[in-house]
N, C-alpha and C. Protein backbone atom coordinates (compact mmCIF):
# COMPACT_ATOMS: atom_id res chain seq x y z
N MET A 1 36.29 -22.39 -11.02
CA MET A 1 35.67 -22.53 -12.33
C MET A 1 36.51 -22.85 -13.33
N PRO A 2 36.47 -23.57 -14.84
CA PRO A 2 37.60 -23.23 -15.53
C PRO A 2 37.51 -22.43 -16.31
N LEU A 3 38.57 -21.97 -17.16
CA LEU A 3 38.50 -20.73 -18.29
C LEU A 3 38.24 -21.72 -19.34
N ARG A 4 37.47 -21.00 -20.38
CA ARG A 4 36.45 -21.28 -21.40
C ARG A 4 36.89 -20.47 -22.94
N HIS A 5 37.22 -21.35 -23.88
CA HIS A 5 37.05 -20.66 -25.17
C HIS A 5 35.99 -21.49 -25.88
N THR A 6 35.17 -20.83 -26.73
CA THR A 6 34.54 -21.33 -27.29
C THR A 6 34.89 -21.07 -29.11
N VAL A 7 34.97 -21.84 -29.90
CA VAL A 7 34.84 -21.73 -31.24
C VAL A 7 33.76 -22.27 -32.10
N TYR A 8 33.20 -21.55 -33.08
CA TYR A 8 32.05 -21.72 -33.59
C TYR A 8 32.64 -22.16 -35.09
N CYS A 9 32.05 -22.66 -35.80
CA CYS A 9 33.02 -23.12 -36.91
C CYS A 9 31.48 -23.42 -37.90
N LYS A 10 32.07 -23.28 -39.31
CA LYS A 10 31.10 -23.00 -40.43
C LYS A 10 31.21 -24.21 -40.99
N ARG A 11 32.25 -25.30 -40.81
CA ARG A 11 32.33 -26.49 -41.02
C ARG A 11 32.59 -27.47 -40.01
N SER A 12 31.74 -28.66 -40.41
CA SER A 12 31.62 -29.70 -39.31
C SER A 12 32.70 -30.11 -38.83
N ILE A 13 33.41 -30.25 -37.58
CA ILE A 13 34.41 -30.95 -36.83
C ILE A 13 33.93 -32.12 -36.23
N ALA A 14 32.98 -32.76 -36.72
CA ALA A 14 32.63 -34.39 -36.26
C ALA A 14 33.76 -35.66 -36.62
N ALA A 15 34.49 -35.21 -37.51
CA ALA A 15 35.59 -36.16 -38.23
C ALA A 15 36.55 -35.88 -37.84
N VAL A 16 37.05 -35.12 -36.79
CA VAL A 16 38.17 -34.85 -35.77
C VAL A 16 38.52 -36.21 -34.61
N THR A 17 39.46 -36.60 -34.66
CA THR A 17 39.55 -37.66 -33.91
C THR A 17 40.74 -37.24 -33.02
N PRO A 18 40.80 -37.99 -31.88
CA PRO A 18 41.88 -37.67 -30.84
C PRO A 18 43.55 -37.81 -31.86
N GLU A 19 43.41 -38.61 -32.43
CA GLU A 19 44.65 -38.79 -33.37
C GLU A 19 45.36 -37.76 -34.12
N LYS A 20 43.67 -37.37 -34.81
CA LYS A 20 44.55 -36.03 -35.88
C LYS A 20 44.34 -34.88 -35.32
N LEU A 21 43.98 -34.97 -34.01
CA LEU A 21 44.14 -33.71 -33.34
C LEU A 21 45.37 -33.44 -32.71
N LEU A 22 45.93 -34.64 -32.27
CA LEU A 22 47.29 -34.88 -31.41
C LEU A 22 48.26 -34.63 -32.54
N LYS A 23 47.97 -34.81 -33.65
CA LYS A 23 49.10 -34.72 -35.15
C LYS A 23 49.18 -33.32 -35.73
N HIS A 24 47.95 -32.56 -35.06
CA HIS A 24 48.29 -31.09 -35.64
C HIS A 24 48.60 -30.44 -34.51
N LEU A 25 48.47 -30.61 -33.58
CA LEU A 25 49.48 -30.27 -32.09
C LEU A 25 50.59 -30.64 -32.12
N GLU A 26 51.19 -31.74 -32.71
CA GLU A 26 52.60 -32.08 -32.36
C GLU A 26 53.54 -31.25 -33.38
N ILE A 27 52.93 -30.58 -34.33
CA ILE A 27 53.77 -29.50 -35.28
C ILE A 27 54.25 -28.56 -34.71
N HIS A 28 53.84 -28.31 -33.37
CA HIS A 28 54.15 -27.06 -32.85
C HIS A 28 55.37 -26.86 -32.28
N ASP A 29 56.09 -25.95 -32.21
CA ASP A 29 57.44 -25.72 -31.16
C ASP A 29 56.82 -24.87 -29.93
N PHE A 30 56.60 -26.02 -29.06
CA PHE A 30 56.04 -25.62 -27.61
C PHE A 30 57.06 -24.70 -26.93
N TRP A 31 58.47 -24.71 -27.05
CA TRP A 31 59.41 -24.18 -26.37
C TRP A 31 59.40 -22.84 -26.70
N THR A 32 59.10 -22.52 -28.16
CA THR A 32 59.18 -21.40 -28.28
C THR A 32 57.46 -20.61 -28.04
N LEU A 33 56.45 -21.26 -28.06
CA LEU A 33 55.28 -20.68 -27.68
C LEU A 33 55.44 -20.31 -26.16
N GLY A 34 56.07 -21.15 -25.22
CA GLY A 34 56.18 -21.06 -24.08
C GLY A 34 56.63 -19.62 -23.67
N GLU A 35 57.81 -19.29 -24.28
CA GLU A 35 58.05 -18.01 -24.14
C GLU A 35 56.54 -16.84 -24.20
N ASP A 36 55.80 -16.89 -25.13
CA ASP A 36 55.07 -16.02 -24.80
C ASP A 36 54.20 -16.28 -23.79
N TYR A 37 53.93 -17.48 -22.73
CA TYR A 37 53.10 -17.71 -21.88
C TYR A 37 54.17 -17.43 -20.58
N ASN A 38 55.26 -17.21 -20.49
CA ASN A 38 56.67 -17.01 -19.37
C ASN A 38 56.76 -18.61 -19.01
N ILE A 39 56.70 -19.50 -19.60
CA ILE A 39 56.97 -20.69 -19.21
C ILE A 39 58.42 -21.47 -19.66
N SER A 40 59.00 -21.83 -18.83
CA SER A 40 60.40 -22.18 -19.20
C SER A 40 60.49 -23.65 -19.97
N GLU A 41 61.72 -23.45 -20.65
CA GLU A 41 61.72 -24.74 -21.38
C GLU A 41 61.91 -26.17 -20.48
N GLU A 42 62.19 -25.95 -19.29
CA GLU A 42 62.14 -27.18 -18.36
C GLU A 42 60.68 -27.29 -17.99
N ALA A 43 59.46 -26.28 -18.04
CA ALA A 43 58.23 -26.66 -17.55
C ALA A 43 57.85 -26.90 -18.67
N VAL A 44 57.98 -26.63 -19.91
CA VAL A 44 57.78 -27.48 -21.45
C VAL A 44 57.99 -28.62 -21.50
N ASP A 45 59.18 -29.39 -21.10
CA ASP A 45 59.77 -30.68 -21.09
C ASP A 45 58.93 -31.53 -20.33
N VAL A 46 58.57 -31.03 -18.96
CA VAL A 46 57.72 -31.56 -18.21
C VAL A 46 56.40 -31.92 -18.55
N SER A 47 55.86 -30.70 -19.52
CA SER A 47 54.56 -30.84 -19.51
C SER A 47 53.90 -31.91 -20.67
N LEU A 48 55.28 -31.94 -21.94
CA LEU A 48 54.94 -33.29 -23.07
C LEU A 48 55.43 -34.54 -22.61
N PRO A 49 54.89 -35.37 -23.26
CA PRO A 49 53.98 -35.62 -24.38
C PRO A 49 52.74 -35.35 -23.94
N LEU A 50 51.96 -34.75 -25.03
CA LEU A 50 50.75 -34.35 -25.03
C LEU A 50 49.71 -35.93 -25.48
N ARG A 51 48.77 -35.77 -24.51
CA ARG A 51 47.83 -37.47 -24.62
C ARG A 51 46.31 -36.92 -24.71
N ILE A 52 45.83 -37.54 -25.55
CA ILE A 52 44.06 -36.92 -26.35
C ILE A 52 43.50 -38.15 -25.89
N LYS A 53 42.24 -38.48 -24.87
CA LYS A 53 41.24 -39.33 -24.82
C LYS A 53 39.81 -38.94 -25.11
N ASN A 54 39.40 -40.04 -25.47
CA ASN A 54 38.27 -39.42 -26.27
C ASN A 54 37.37 -40.12 -24.77
N ALA A 55 36.70 -39.60 -23.95
CA ALA A 55 36.08 -39.61 -22.99
C ALA A 55 34.60 -40.41 -23.14
N ARG A 56 34.00 -40.46 -24.56
CA ARG A 56 32.63 -41.13 -24.39
C ARG A 56 33.10 -41.42 -26.16
N PRO A 57 33.67 -42.77 -26.10
CA PRO A 57 33.84 -43.26 -27.52
C PRO A 57 32.73 -43.70 -28.32
N GLY A 58 32.93 -43.44 -29.77
CA GLY A 58 32.16 -43.47 -30.73
C GLY A 58 31.77 -42.17 -31.57
N LYS A 59 31.78 -41.45 -30.70
CA LYS A 59 31.93 -40.12 -31.87
C LYS A 59 32.72 -38.98 -30.83
N PHE A 60 32.83 -37.83 -31.49
CA PHE A 60 33.48 -36.72 -31.18
C PHE A 60 32.74 -35.84 -30.27
N CYS A 61 32.47 -36.07 -29.08
CA CYS A 61 31.69 -35.29 -27.89
C CYS A 61 32.51 -34.56 -26.95
N LEU A 62 33.33 -35.32 -26.48
CA LEU A 62 34.34 -35.04 -25.44
C LEU A 62 35.80 -35.68 -25.56
N TYR A 63 36.62 -34.62 -25.44
CA TYR A 63 38.19 -35.29 -25.39
C TYR A 63 38.53 -34.65 -24.14
N HIS A 64 39.46 -35.47 -23.55
CA HIS A 64 40.52 -34.82 -22.54
C HIS A 64 41.95 -35.05 -22.71
N ILE A 65 42.71 -33.75 -23.03
CA ILE A 65 43.60 -33.63 -23.13
C ILE A 65 44.64 -33.50 -21.37
N THR A 66 45.66 -34.58 -21.73
CA THR A 66 46.67 -34.72 -20.60
C THR A 66 47.95 -34.21 -20.91
N TYR A 67 48.70 -33.61 -20.06
CA TYR A 67 50.01 -33.26 -20.14
C TYR A 67 50.84 -33.30 -18.62
N GLY A 68 51.70 -33.43 -18.59
CA GLY A 68 53.02 -33.74 -17.73
C GLY A 68 52.37 -34.58 -16.90
N LYS A 69 52.28 -34.39 -15.28
CA LYS A 69 52.10 -35.79 -14.37
C LYS A 69 50.51 -36.52 -14.98
N ALA A 70 50.20 -37.19 -14.52
CA ALA A 70 49.14 -38.00 -14.94
C ALA A 70 47.73 -37.45 -14.04
N ASP A 71 48.06 -36.84 -12.82
CA ASP A 71 47.32 -36.24 -12.16
C ASP A 71 46.65 -34.95 -12.45
N THR A 72 47.58 -34.38 -13.43
CA THR A 72 47.25 -32.72 -14.16
C THR A 72 45.54 -32.91 -14.43
N ARG A 73 45.05 -31.83 -13.86
CA ARG A 73 43.84 -31.38 -14.38
C ARG A 73 43.50 -31.80 -16.13
N PRO A 74 42.55 -32.30 -16.77
CA PRO A 74 42.95 -32.21 -18.01
C PRO A 74 42.19 -31.19 -18.94
N ILE A 75 42.69 -30.49 -19.80
CA ILE A 75 41.96 -30.06 -20.77
C ILE A 75 40.79 -30.39 -21.51
N GLU A 76 39.74 -29.64 -21.05
CA GLU A 76 38.58 -30.69 -21.63
C GLU A 76 38.16 -29.96 -22.74
N ILE A 77 37.25 -31.27 -24.06
CA ILE A 77 37.25 -30.55 -25.38
C ILE A 77 35.86 -30.89 -25.81
N ASP A 78 34.86 -30.07 -25.62
CA ASP A 78 33.67 -30.61 -25.47
C ASP A 78 32.72 -30.05 -26.91
N ARG A 79 32.09 -31.09 -27.59
CA ARG A 79 31.09 -30.68 -28.56
C ARG A 79 30.04 -31.22 -28.37
N TRP A 80 28.44 -30.68 -28.54
CA TRP A 80 27.24 -31.14 -28.51
C TRP A 80 27.25 -32.16 -29.09
N ASP A 81 26.15 -33.09 -28.63
CA ASP A 81 25.89 -34.55 -29.19
C ASP A 81 25.20 -34.45 -30.40
N THR A 82 24.04 -33.16 -30.79
CA THR A 82 23.59 -33.11 -32.09
C THR A 82 23.31 -31.91 -32.63
N GLU A 83 22.65 -31.58 -33.83
CA GLU A 83 23.13 -30.60 -34.17
C GLU A 83 22.00 -29.45 -34.06
N ASP A 84 20.95 -30.33 -33.36
CA ASP A 84 19.69 -29.52 -32.95
C ASP A 84 20.11 -28.65 -31.28
N GLN A 85 21.14 -29.44 -30.51
CA GLN A 85 21.68 -28.83 -29.72
C GLN A 85 22.65 -27.53 -29.69
N CYS A 86 23.33 -28.02 -30.65
CA CYS A 86 24.39 -26.71 -31.46
C CYS A 86 23.74 -25.63 -31.75
N ARG A 87 22.63 -25.67 -32.59
CA ARG A 87 21.69 -24.87 -32.79
C ARG A 87 21.52 -24.13 -31.62
N ALA A 88 20.79 -24.63 -30.59
CA ALA A 88 20.07 -23.98 -29.78
C ALA A 88 20.98 -23.14 -28.92
N ALA A 89 22.63 -23.61 -28.93
CA ALA A 89 23.61 -23.06 -28.05
C ALA A 89 23.84 -21.53 -28.65
N VAL A 90 23.65 -22.06 -30.14
CA VAL A 90 24.28 -20.40 -31.22
C VAL A 90 23.30 -19.70 -30.93
N ASP A 91 21.75 -20.10 -30.77
CA ASP A 91 21.14 -19.05 -30.97
C ASP A 91 21.31 -18.19 -29.53
N GLU A 92 21.07 -19.25 -28.44
CA GLU A 92 21.56 -18.52 -27.19
C GLU A 92 22.93 -17.18 -27.00
N THR A 93 23.83 -18.04 -27.57
CA THR A 93 24.73 -17.09 -27.96
C THR A 93 24.51 -15.74 -28.53
N ILE A 94 24.01 -15.67 -29.73
CA ILE A 94 23.14 -14.69 -30.73
C ILE A 94 22.21 -14.05 -29.56
N ASP A 95 21.59 -14.55 -28.67
CA ASP A 95 20.32 -13.90 -27.83
C ASP A 95 21.36 -13.18 -27.00
N ASN A 96 22.60 -13.41 -26.64
CA ASN A 96 23.05 -12.68 -25.02
C ASN A 96 24.41 -12.13 -25.76
N LEU A 97 24.73 -11.61 -26.77
CA LEU A 97 25.67 -11.01 -26.99
C LEU A 97 25.34 -9.63 -26.68
N THR A 98 26.57 -9.03 -26.27
CA THR A 98 26.67 -7.59 -25.72
C THR A 98 28.01 -6.63 -26.36
N ILE A 99 27.91 -7.02 -27.79
CA ILE A 99 28.72 -6.55 -28.31
C ILE A 99 27.99 -4.69 -28.63
N GLU A 100 28.81 -3.87 -28.21
CA GLU A 100 28.19 -2.38 -28.28
C GLU A 100 28.37 -2.17 -29.70
N ASP A 101 29.62 -2.20 -30.35
CA ASP A 101 29.76 -1.95 -32.04
C ASP A 101 29.04 -2.43 -32.48
N LYS A 102 28.03 -2.03 -33.25
CA LYS A 102 26.88 -2.71 -34.15
C LYS A 102 27.48 -3.06 -35.23
N SER A 103 28.52 -2.86 -35.68
CA SER A 103 29.20 -3.33 -37.25
C SER A 103 29.95 -4.76 -36.77
N GLN A 104 30.65 -4.48 -35.90
CA GLN A 104 30.93 -5.83 -35.16
C GLN A 104 29.93 -6.84 -34.56
N PHE A 105 28.91 -6.26 -34.12
CA PHE A 105 27.95 -7.18 -33.61
C PHE A 105 27.41 -7.81 -34.75
N LYS A 106 27.42 -7.13 -35.88
CA LYS A 106 26.61 -8.03 -37.18
C LYS A 106 27.38 -8.82 -37.56
N ARG A 107 28.76 -8.59 -37.92
CA ARG A 107 29.54 -9.40 -38.27
C ARG A 107 29.54 -10.83 -37.51
N VAL A 108 29.79 -10.80 -36.32
CA VAL A 108 29.71 -11.91 -35.04
C VAL A 108 28.31 -12.71 -35.41
N SER A 109 27.10 -12.11 -35.46
CA SER A 109 26.09 -12.70 -35.33
C SER A 109 25.71 -13.48 -36.50
N ASP A 110 26.15 -12.66 -37.64
CA ASP A 110 26.00 -13.46 -38.93
C ASP A 110 26.71 -14.68 -38.93
N PHE A 111 27.62 -14.19 -38.39
CA PHE A 111 29.03 -15.76 -38.87
C PHE A 111 28.41 -16.66 -37.74
N LEU A 112 27.91 -16.24 -36.40
CA LEU A 112 27.06 -17.45 -35.61
C LEU A 112 25.75 -18.00 -36.60
N ARG A 113 25.10 -17.53 -37.18
CA ARG A 113 24.20 -17.81 -37.79
C ARG A 113 24.53 -18.86 -38.91
N ALA A 114 25.60 -18.60 -39.37
CA ALA A 114 26.36 -19.47 -40.59
C ALA A 114 26.77 -20.59 -40.37
N SER A 115 27.09 -20.75 -38.71
CA SER A 115 27.93 -22.03 -37.94
C SER A 115 27.05 -23.15 -38.24
N VAL A 116 27.96 -24.23 -38.17
CA VAL A 116 27.26 -25.35 -38.43
C VAL A 116 27.48 -26.07 -37.06
N ASP A 117 29.00 -26.32 -36.45
CA ASP A 117 29.58 -26.53 -35.34
C ASP A 117 30.02 -25.64 -34.10
N SER A 118 30.26 -26.61 -33.39
CA SER A 118 30.91 -25.72 -32.41
C SER A 118 31.72 -26.47 -31.11
N VAL A 119 32.64 -25.75 -30.39
CA VAL A 119 33.28 -26.51 -29.70
C VAL A 119 33.95 -26.03 -28.75
N SER A 120 33.90 -26.35 -27.31
CA SER A 120 34.15 -25.30 -26.41
C SER A 120 35.88 -25.86 -25.74
N VAL A 121 36.38 -25.49 -25.12
CA VAL A 121 37.87 -25.87 -24.73
C VAL A 121 37.73 -25.17 -23.33
N SER A 122 37.78 -26.31 -22.39
CA SER A 122 38.11 -25.68 -20.65
C SER A 122 39.21 -26.21 -20.36
N PHE A 123 39.74 -25.32 -19.61
CA PHE A 123 41.12 -25.15 -18.88
C PHE A 123 41.21 -25.14 -17.20
N GLY A 124 42.31 -25.20 -16.82
CA GLY A 124 42.58 -24.58 -15.27
C GLY A 124 43.64 -23.37 -15.85
N ILE A 125 44.17 -22.49 -14.81
CA ILE A 125 44.58 -21.35 -14.81
C ILE A 125 46.14 -21.73 -14.93
N ASP A 126 46.42 -22.93 -15.07
CA ASP A 126 48.28 -23.20 -15.39
C ASP A 126 48.49 -22.94 -16.62
N PRO A 127 49.60 -22.33 -16.43
CA PRO A 127 49.82 -21.53 -17.87
C PRO A 127 50.40 -22.62 -19.22
N PRO A 128 50.82 -23.57 -18.71
CA PRO A 128 50.85 -24.77 -19.70
C PRO A 128 49.44 -25.02 -20.24
N ALA A 129 48.34 -25.17 -19.46
CA ALA A 129 46.95 -25.41 -19.81
C ALA A 129 46.66 -24.22 -20.72
N ALA A 130 46.89 -23.18 -20.43
CA ALA A 130 46.38 -21.94 -21.32
C ALA A 130 46.71 -21.92 -22.66
N MET A 131 48.18 -22.46 -22.59
CA MET A 131 49.10 -22.34 -23.90
C MET A 131 48.26 -23.94 -24.72
N PHE A 132 48.05 -24.92 -24.13
CA PHE A 132 47.63 -25.88 -25.07
C PHE A 132 46.30 -26.09 -25.11
N ALA A 133 45.65 -25.40 -24.69
CA ALA A 133 43.91 -24.69 -25.04
C ALA A 133 44.00 -24.32 -25.89
N TRP A 134 45.18 -23.15 -25.86
CA TRP A 134 44.70 -22.18 -27.06
C TRP A 134 45.21 -22.59 -28.36
N GLU A 135 46.44 -23.29 -28.63
CA GLU A 135 46.54 -23.93 -29.78
C GLU A 135 45.53 -25.19 -30.50
N VAL A 136 44.69 -25.60 -29.47
CA VAL A 136 43.64 -26.50 -29.72
C VAL A 136 42.48 -25.35 -30.18
N VAL A 137 42.19 -24.31 -29.87
CA VAL A 137 41.09 -23.52 -30.21
C VAL A 137 41.59 -22.92 -31.62
N ARG A 138 43.07 -22.43 -31.71
CA ARG A 138 43.56 -21.82 -33.25
C ARG A 138 43.25 -23.02 -34.24
N CYS A 139 43.47 -24.10 -33.85
CA CYS A 139 43.43 -25.25 -34.65
C CYS A 139 42.00 -25.32 -35.21
N PHE A 140 41.20 -25.58 -34.44
CA PHE A 140 39.61 -25.68 -34.88
C PHE A 140 39.55 -24.50 -35.44
N ALA A 141 39.79 -23.29 -35.04
CA ALA A 141 39.00 -21.91 -35.66
C ALA A 141 39.84 -21.64 -37.09
N SER A 142 41.21 -22.23 -37.34
CA SER A 142 41.77 -21.58 -38.81
C SER A 142 41.44 -23.09 -39.70
N GLU A 143 41.22 -24.10 -39.03
CA GLU A 143 40.84 -25.73 -39.98
C GLU A 143 39.64 -25.70 -40.57
N PHE A 144 38.57 -25.03 -39.67
CA PHE A 144 37.38 -25.46 -39.58
C PHE A 144 36.50 -23.79 -40.29
N ASP A 145 36.91 -22.83 -40.70
CA ASP A 145 36.59 -21.70 -40.82
C ASP A 145 35.57 -21.28 -39.52
N GLY A 146 36.46 -21.14 -38.20
CA GLY A 146 35.95 -20.63 -37.09
C GLY A 146 35.99 -19.38 -36.53
N ILE A 147 35.31 -18.51 -35.61
CA ILE A 147 35.49 -17.83 -35.31
C ILE A 147 35.40 -17.93 -33.21
N ILE A 148 36.20 -17.06 -32.71
CA ILE A 148 36.60 -17.70 -30.93
C ILE A 148 35.78 -16.63 -30.17
N ASN A 149 35.04 -17.35 -29.36
CA ASN A 149 34.70 -16.55 -27.88
C ASN A 149 35.48 -16.81 -27.42
N ALA A 150 36.52 -15.59 -26.81
CA ALA A 150 37.91 -16.25 -25.92
C ALA A 150 37.15 -16.09 -24.24
N ASP A 151 37.67 -16.65 -23.82
CA ASP A 151 37.40 -16.51 -22.12
C ASP A 151 37.00 -15.27 -21.79
N ASP A 152 37.77 -14.33 -22.15
CA ASP A 152 37.81 -12.86 -21.93
C ASP A 152 36.71 -12.15 -22.26
N GLY A 153 35.66 -12.65 -23.22
CA GLY A 153 34.54 -12.10 -23.77
C GLY A 153 34.92 -11.60 -25.26
N GLU A 154 36.05 -11.36 -25.75
CA GLU A 154 36.44 -11.14 -26.93
C GLU A 154 36.47 -12.09 -28.01
N TRP A 155 35.83 -11.73 -29.36
CA TRP A 155 35.45 -12.64 -30.34
C TRP A 155 36.84 -12.27 -31.40
N LEU A 156 37.15 -12.88 -31.79
CA LEU A 156 38.57 -13.16 -32.42
C LEU A 156 38.60 -14.54 -33.70
N LYS A 157 39.23 -13.82 -34.80
CA LYS A 157 39.36 -14.79 -35.95
C LYS A 157 40.83 -14.87 -36.29
N ILE A 158 41.24 -15.92 -36.72
CA ILE A 158 42.75 -16.43 -37.12
C ILE A 158 42.81 -15.91 -38.17
N GLY A 159 43.53 -14.94 -38.45
CA GLY A 159 44.08 -14.69 -39.80
C GLY A 159 44.91 -15.78 -40.62
N ASP A 160 45.47 -15.11 -41.86
CA ASP A 160 46.19 -15.95 -42.62
C ASP A 160 47.50 -16.05 -42.20
N ASP A 161 47.69 -15.12 -41.16
CA ASP A 161 49.05 -15.42 -40.62
C ASP A 161 49.28 -16.41 -39.27
N TYR A 162 48.10 -17.02 -39.26
CA TYR A 162 48.18 -17.69 -38.26
C TYR A 162 47.97 -17.23 -36.60
N GLN A 163 47.58 -15.55 -36.51
CA GLN A 163 47.53 -14.90 -35.38
C GLN A 163 45.62 -14.40 -35.21
N ALA A 164 45.63 -14.29 -34.33
CA ALA A 164 44.22 -14.05 -33.70
C ALA A 164 44.21 -12.45 -33.77
N LYS A 165 42.87 -12.18 -34.26
CA LYS A 165 42.43 -10.61 -34.53
C LYS A 165 40.96 -10.54 -34.29
N PRO A 166 40.60 -8.93 -33.84
CA PRO A 166 39.18 -8.92 -33.46
C PRO A 166 38.35 -9.51 -35.05
N VAL A 167 37.41 -9.64 -34.68
CA VAL A 167 36.23 -9.82 -35.47
C VAL A 167 35.68 -8.35 -35.84
């Protein structure tokens, strides 16, 4: 089963194209970021360049990021087809929140109610996938006013310093 981070955004992400996302990702120094993931410079070299394919051309519903060898499991970026599907998924997320801290529960549920779009990023367990997936998540959360439901269940917001902090 893949790992998955989900970003709930207050601004629509519908206009994000593979080219725009790739351009955003290409600004990162993955060799330095790789140090945080215990990825050697050589392993980063082998993983680049990133490639993004629109798996369902016509609109942003499903993108695949590939890296390294052609047979490497892709990172899947999945967005709901319709606003109704997105809203239903958000409502279900609110219904299933298990945050014990009442003030954090309120912050998260209020944010979710105000969200208009969401994107899930699914990836395998290898360290390059985790690094690239996190940078995709950070891009959506920072650029489209989003909060992150990380794979470990933690709720995070990207701060002005581009670092993830608990909501």
